[in-house]
Amino acid sequence: MTGTEEDTSTIQILSIDEHDEGGATITFDLDDNFVKLYKKDTGKKRATKKGLERFLLEIITKSIDDRYK
């Protein structure tokens, strides 16, 4: 089932707040398809803020690691 609307999800960056010590807080908006992907991939029945944060961080970290091997 490739190329369908269910196969794509949108992650929108709403804000980036930089901290004095060098870190940053990034606020995202995740669409329903991303939440469905999270539930399917993790086997969870409910999506929590903390779970989605960890899942998104894992995806971003893996993507960076794969790109800059």
Protein backbone atom coordinates (compact mmCIF):
# COMPACT_ATOMS: atom_id res chain seq x y z
CA MET A 1 0.00 0.00 0.00
CA THR A 2 2.48 2.63 -1.11
CA GLY A 3 1.64 6.07 -2.37
CA THR A 4 -1.58 6.43 -0.40
CA GLU A 5 -2.47 9.16 2.03
CA GLU A 6 -2.14 6.67 4.92
CA ASP A 7 1.53 6.14 4.05
CA THR A 8 2.48 9.77 4.61
CA SER A 9 2.49 11.84 7.74
CA THR A 10 3.21 15.47 8.41
CA ILE A 11 5.46 16.81 11.13
CA GLN A 12 5.36 20.59 11.38
CA ILE A 13 7.84 22.59 13.47
CA LEU A 14 5.86 25.25 15.33
CA SER A 15 8.67 26.87 17.29
CA ILE A 16 12.31 26.55 18.32
CA ASP A 17 13.30 28.11 21.64
CA GLU A 18 17.06 28.26 22.13
CA HIS A 19 18.44 28.08 25.67
CA ASP A 20 21.39 30.08 27.00
CA GLU A 21 23.32 26.90 27.82
CA GLY A 22 23.21 25.75 24.19
CA GLY A 23 20.21 23.44 24.08
CA ALA A 24 16.84 24.05 22.50
CA THR A 25 13.19 23.14 22.88
CA ILE A 26 11.41 22.34 19.63
CA THR A 27 7.60 22.30 19.49
CA PHE A 28 6.09 20.05 16.82
CA ASP A 29 2.62 19.47 15.43
CA LEU A 30 2.04 15.83 14.47
CA ASP A 31 -0.83 14.75 12.25
CA ASP A 32 -3.15 11.79 12.87
CA ASN A 33 -1.23 9.57 10.45
CA PHE A 34 1.96 10.04 12.50
CA VAL A 35 0.06 9.04 15.65
CA LYS A 36 -1.26 5.94 13.86
CA LEU A 37 2.30 5.10 12.76
CA TYR A 38 3.48 5.47 16.37
CA LYS A 39 0.78 3.13 17.65
CA LYS A 40 1.42 0.55 14.92
CA ASP A 41 5.21 0.65 15.32
CA THR A 42 5.22 0.53 19.13
CA GLY A 43 2.18 -1.70 19.66
CA LYS A 44 0.69 0.90 22.01
CA LYS A 45 -3.07 1.47 22.15
CA ARG A 46 -2.80 5.11 23.24
CA ALA A 47 -0.42 7.87 22.22
CA THR A 48 1.03 9.91 25.07
CA LYS A 49 3.04 13.11 24.82
CA LYS A 50 6.08 11.46 26.39
CA GLY A 51 5.82 8.40 24.13
CA LEU A 52 5.50 10.52 20.98
CA GLU A 53 8.47 12.66 22.07
CA ARG A 54 10.65 9.58 22.49
CA PHE A 55 9.47 8.08 19.21
CA LEU A 56 10.15 11.27 17.24
CA LEU A 57 13.56 11.70 18.88
CA GLU A 58 14.44 8.11 17.96
CA ILE A 59 13.46 8.70 14.31
CA ILE A 60 15.45 11.95 14.09
CA THR A 61 18.51 10.45 15.81
CA LYS A 62 18.49 7.38 13.57
CA SER A 63 18.14 9.55 10.47
CA ILE A 64 21.12 11.70 11.48
CA ASP A 65 23.21 8.63 12.38
CA ASP A 66 22.43 6.98 9.02
CA ARG A 67 23.23 10.12 7.07
CA TYR A 68 26.55 10.91 8.75
CA LYS A 69 28.08 7.44 9.17
